[in-house]
């Protein structure tokens, strides 16, 4: 059985349509996966920032409590230890702020260079 030229052209067009559909599906899936990865990375980065803030806040609160306990009990060692702890918490907070600012600037530069 010999196929008509019109039938052959229709089959070729159908094959091309299938290829385009498959390629479009693959591209769409890839974009969705990439977007999901970026979102997960952003959430993970946010979690790290929250953990850093929690850690510095804990040092500041513990330090303030030790200062108050030292003053209440007239214990200079405990009071000074508390002041040192408060300073440690403030230093961590400042370090994290600087780190976040540098990270934001690097990301801006990367974004603008593309």
Protein backbone atom coordinates (compact mmCIF):
# COMPACT_ATOMS: atom_id res chain seq x y z
CA UNK A 1 0.00 0.00 0.00
CA UNK A 2 1.42 3.33 -1.10
CA UNK A 3 0.69 6.35 1.09
CA UNK A 4 -0.70 9.50 -0.36
CA UNK A 5 1.61 12.55 -0.29
CA UNK A 6 -0.94 14.44 1.80
CA UNK A 7 -1.06 11.62 4.38
CA UNK A 8 2.75 11.60 4.64
CA UNK A 9 2.79 15.37 5.19
CA UNK A 10 0.12 15.05 7.89
CA UNK A 11 2.13 12.32 9.63
CA UNK A 12 5.27 14.50 9.52
CA UNK A 13 3.36 17.47 10.92
CA UNK A 14 1.89 15.28 13.67
CA UNK A 15 5.39 13.98 14.59
CA UNK A 16 6.71 17.54 14.73
CA UNK A 17 3.77 18.60 16.90
CA UNK A 18 4.46 15.72 19.30
CA UNK A 19 8.17 16.70 19.47
CA UNK A 20 7.33 20.35 20.18
CA UNK A 21 4.83 19.31 22.85
CA UNK A 22 7.36 17.00 24.54
CA UNK A 23 10.09 19.67 24.42
CA UNK A 24 7.69 22.28 25.83
CA UNK A 25 6.74 19.90 28.65
CA UNK A 26 10.41 19.25 29.46
CA UNK A 27 11.20 22.96 29.50
CA UNK A 28 8.21 23.71 31.72
CA UNK A 29 9.17 20.91 34.11
CA UNK A 30 12.76 22.15 34.25
CA UNK A 31 11.65 25.69 35.05
CA UNK A 32 9.36 24.40 37.80
CA UNK A 33 12.16 22.31 39.32
CA UNK A 34 14.60 25.23 39.18
CA UNK A 35 12.02 27.51 40.80
CA UNK A 36 11.42 24.98 43.55
CA UNK A 37 15.16 24.70 44.22
CA UNK A 38 15.49 28.49 44.47
CA UNK A 39 12.56 28.72 46.87
CA UNK A 40 13.94 25.93 49.06
CA UNK A 41 17.37 27.62 49.10
CA UNK A 42 15.78 30.95 50.07
CA UNK A 43 13.84 29.27 52.88
CA UNK A 44 17.03 27.58 54.07
CA UNK A 45 18.89 30.91 54.04
CA UNK A 46 16.06 32.51 56.02
CA UNK A 47 16.26 29.68 58.55
CA UNK A 48 19.98 30.33 59.00
CA UNK A 49 19.33 34.04 59.58
CA UNK A 50 16.66 33.27 62.17
CA UNK A 51 19.01 30.83 63.93
CA UNK A 52 21.77 33.49 64.02
CA UNK A 53 19.38 36.09 65.46
CA UNK A 54 18.10 33.63 68.06
CA UNK A 55 21.66 32.83 69.13
CA UNK A 56 22.70 36.48 69.56
CA UNK A 57 19.42 37.31 71.33
CA UNK A 58 19.95 34.41 73.73
CA UNK A 59 23.42 35.74 74.65
CA UNK A 60 22.06 39.25 75.22
CA UNK A 61 19.18 38.06 77.43
CA UNK A 62 21.36 35.66 79.42
CA UNK A 63 23.94 38.41 79.88
CA UNK A 64 21.33 40.89 81.08
CA UNK A 65 19.99 38.31 83.54
CA UNK A 66 23.50 37.67 84.87
CA UNK A 67 24.11 41.42 85.28
CA UNK A 68 20.88 41.74 87.29
CA UNK A 69 21.71 38.67 89.41
CA UNK A 70 25.23 39.98 90.01
CA UNK A 71 23.92 43.36 91.13
CA UNK A 72 21.23 41.79 93.31
CA UNK A 73 23.72 39.48 95.06
CA UNK A 74 26.58 41.98 95.01
CA UNK A 75 28.62 39.48 92.94
CA UNK A 76 30.98 41.48 90.71
CA UNK A 77 32.17 38.34 88.89
CA UNK A 78 28.63 37.39 87.84
CA UNK A 79 27.85 41.00 86.89
CA UNK A 80 30.98 41.28 84.73
CA UNK A 81 30.33 37.87 83.19
CA UNK A 82 26.85 39.11 82.26
CA UNK A 83 28.22 42.29 80.69
CA UNK A 84 30.67 40.21 78.68
CA UNK A 85 27.84 37.94 77.53
CA UNK A 86 25.73 40.93 76.49
CA UNK A 87 28.66 42.31 74.51
CA UNK A 88 29.15 38.91 72.88
CA UNK A 89 25.49 38.89 71.81
CA UNK A 90 25.75 42.43 70.40
CA UNK A 91 28.94 41.47 68.53
CA UNK A 92 27.24 38.41 67.02
CA UNK A 93 24.30 40.55 65.95
CA UNK A 94 26.59 43.13 64.33
CA UNK A 95 28.60 40.40 62.60
CA UNK A 96 25.43 38.79 61.25
CA UNK A 97 24.13 42.15 60.00
CA UNK A 98 27.41 42.84 58.19
CA UNK A 99 27.44 39.30 56.76
CA UNK A 100 23.86 39.69 55.50
CA UNK A 101 24.63 43.10 53.95
CA UNK A 102 27.69 41.72 52.14
CA UNK A 103 25.68 38.73 50.93
CA UNK A 104 22.93 41.03 49.64
CA UNK A 105 25.47 43.21 47.80
CA UNK A 106 27.12 40.15 46.20
CA UNK A 107 23.71 38.87 45.09
CA UNK A 108 22.86 42.32 43.63
CA UNK A 109 26.13 42.34 41.71
CA UNK A 110 25.50 38.82 40.38
CA UNK A 111 21.97 39.76 39.37
CA UNK A 112 23.08 42.97 37.61
CA UNK A 113 25.97 41.29 35.77
CA UNK A 114 23.62 38.88 33.97
